[in-house]
Amino acid sequence: MTQNTLIVTVESIGAVKQRTSDAFEQALGDNTRDEDSPRRLSFETTDQLAQVFTPRAIDLLQAIAQEEPASIREAARLVDRDIKQVSENLERLEEYGVVEFLNEGRAKRPVVPYDEIDIRLPLRGAVERDAAPA
């Protein structure tokens, strides 16, 4: 069984545009589609990444992936957090496609469609950054 991986990167808009352009060119020139290619999510800065992938969000993602709760309320119980906080956290993760909701009766069941999240942080040259505060 192949792993369903979400690759999270920190890179400039220019790099994302270039990668997208290259992918379109390859797709147009080659009729084969790579079904196993991972989905990507890119942020311009590490601060933006950290706002989405907080330690609490990562704990929540792991709990949902492992325990498969039937509702947001059950997910909140798994991580011993307030349901309102968990709901807000899940809505933000849904905005970025990291979590999906399945409507089952009156409950919304959170689902993590990935087996793993691969966060890639370049340390040399790949990220353009504004002047850092002194």
Protein backbone atom coordinates (compact mmCIF):
# COMPACT_ATOMS: atom_id res chain seq x y z
CA MET A 1 0.00 0.00 0.00
CA THR A 2 1.37 3.39 -0.94
CA GLN A 3 1.38 6.26 1.52
CA ASN A 4 -0.89 9.21 0.84
CA THR A 5 1.41 12.11 1.65
CA LEU A 6 0.84 15.84 1.92
CA ILE A 7 4.04 17.76 1.24
CA VAL A 8 4.14 21.12 3.01
CA THR A 9 6.78 23.58 1.84
CA VAL A 10 7.97 27.09 2.53
CA GLU A 11 8.83 28.73 -0.77
CA SER A 12 8.35 31.93 -2.71
CA ILE A 13 5.36 32.55 -4.95
CA GLY A 14 7.78 32.57 -7.88
CA ALA A 15 8.97 29.06 -7.05
CA VAL A 16 5.38 27.80 -6.77
CA LYS A 17 4.49 29.40 -10.12
CA GLN A 18 7.54 27.84 -11.78
CA ARG A 19 6.78 24.37 -10.38
CA THR A 20 3.15 24.69 -11.50
CA SER A 21 4.19 25.81 -14.97
CA ASP A 22 6.63 22.91 -15.26
CA ALA A 23 3.92 20.46 -14.16
CA PHE A 24 1.50 21.81 -16.79
CA GLU A 25 4.12 21.52 -19.51
CA GLN A 26 4.89 17.96 -18.50
CA ALA A 27 1.18 17.09 -18.37
CA LEU A 28 0.53 18.59 -21.82
CA GLY A 29 3.49 16.78 -23.36
CA ASP A 30 2.81 13.44 -21.69
CA ASN A 31 -0.63 11.85 -21.59
CA THR A 32 0.22 9.67 -18.59
CA ARG A 33 -0.90 10.96 -15.22
CA ASP A 34 0.94 10.12 -12.05
CA GLU A 35 -1.87 9.05 -9.71
CA ASP A 36 0.58 8.59 -6.83
CA SER A 37 2.06 12.08 -6.98
CA PRO A 38 1.70 13.76 -3.59
CA ARG A 39 -0.43 16.82 -2.96
CA ARG A 40 1.48 19.98 -2.05
CA LEU A 41 0.68 22.89 0.21
CA SER A 42 3.04 25.86 0.11
CA PHE A 43 3.49 28.82 2.43
CA GLU A 44 5.56 31.91 1.73
CA THR A 45 6.98 32.11 5.26
CA THR A 46 7.60 29.85 8.20
CA ASP A 47 5.34 32.13 10.27
CA GLN A 48 2.43 31.33 7.96
CA LEU A 49 3.18 27.61 8.20
CA ALA A 50 3.38 27.84 12.00
CA GLN A 51 -0.03 29.53 12.19
CA VAL A 52 -1.63 26.49 10.53
CA PHE A 53 0.54 23.65 11.84
CA THR A 54 0.65 24.55 15.52
CA PRO A 55 1.62 21.84 18.03
CA ARG A 56 -2.08 21.60 19.04
CA ALA A 57 -3.13 21.23 15.39
CA ILE A 58 -0.58 18.46 14.87
CA ASP A 59 -1.79 16.65 18.01
CA LEU A 60 -5.36 16.96 16.73
CA LEU A 61 -4.43 15.65 13.27
CA GLN A 62 -2.67 12.64 14.78
CA ALA A 63 -5.62 11.87 17.08
CA ILE A 64 -8.11 12.06 14.21
CA ALA A 65 -5.96 9.94 11.89
CA GLN A 66 -5.38 7.26 14.54
CA GLU A 67 -8.74 7.18 16.35
CA GLU A 68 -11.15 8.18 13.54
CA PRO A 69 -13.64 10.04 15.77
CA ALA A 70 -17.30 10.15 14.71
CA SER A 71 -17.72 13.87 15.40
CA ILE A 72 -15.95 17.12 16.25
CA ARG A 73 -17.13 16.66 19.84
CA GLU A 74 -15.46 13.25 20.01
CA ALA A 75 -12.26 14.70 18.47
CA ALA A 76 -12.27 17.38 21.19
CA ARG A 77 -12.55 14.68 23.86
CA LEU A 78 -9.62 12.78 22.34
CA VAL A 79 -7.30 15.76 22.73
CA ASP A 80 -8.90 17.00 25.97
CA ARG A 81 -9.73 20.44 24.53
CA ASP A 82 -12.77 22.69 24.34
CA ILE A 83 -15.06 21.82 21.43
CA LYS A 84 -15.15 25.46 20.23
CA GLN A 85 -11.34 25.60 20.02
CA VAL A 86 -11.19 22.25 18.23
CA SER A 87 -13.93 23.30 15.82
CA GLU A 88 -12.07 26.53 14.95
CA ASN A 89 -8.82 24.59 14.55
CA LEU A 90 -10.49 22.07 12.24
CA GLU A 91 -12.14 24.79 10.15
CA ARG A 92 -8.74 26.39 9.56
CA LEU A 93 -7.22 23.02 8.63
CA GLU A 94 -10.15 22.42 6.26
CA GLU A 95 -9.45 25.77 4.53
CA TYR A 96 -6.02 24.41 3.61
CA GLY A 97 -7.31 20.97 2.58
CA VAL A 98 -5.60 19.18 5.46
CA VAL A 99 -8.91 17.98 6.98
CA GLU A 100 -12.21 17.05 5.36
CA PHE A 101 -15.64 16.76 6.94
CA LEU A 102 -18.13 14.00 6.23
CA ASN A 103 -21.74 14.78 7.13
CA GLU A 104 -23.18 11.83 8.99
CA GLY A 105 -26.61 12.68 10.32
CA ARG A 106 -26.35 15.71 12.55
CA ALA A 107 -22.62 15.21 13.17
CA LYS A 108 -19.71 16.37 11.04
CA ARG A 109 -17.02 13.70 11.12
CA PRO A 110 -13.48 15.08 10.69
CA VAL A 111 -11.24 13.01 8.44
CA VAL A 112 -7.53 13.37 7.72
CA PRO A 113 -7.09 12.11 4.14
CA TYR A 114 -3.33 11.67 4.52
CA ASP A 115 -1.14 8.97 6.01
CA GLU A 116 1.66 11.44 6.62
CA ILE A 117 2.55 15.10 6.34
CA ASP A 118 6.04 15.88 5.12
CA ILE A 119 7.03 19.41 6.18
CA ARG A 120 10.01 20.66 4.19
CA LEU A 121 11.88 23.69 5.48
CA PRO A 122 14.72 24.90 3.30
CA LEU A 123 17.66 26.21 5.27
CA ARG A 124 19.83 27.52 2.43
CA GLY A 125 18.98 29.87 -0.40
CA ALA A 126 15.55 28.59 -1.42
CA VAL A 127 13.38 31.04 0.51
CA GLU A 128 13.37 34.75 -0.29
CA ARG A 129 12.81 36.71 2.89
CA ASP A 130 12.33 40.30 3.93
CA ALA A 131 14.92 41.91 6.15
CA ALA A 132 14.78 40.28 9.57
CA PRO A 133 14.12 42.52 12.57
CA ALA A 134 17.20 43.37 14.62
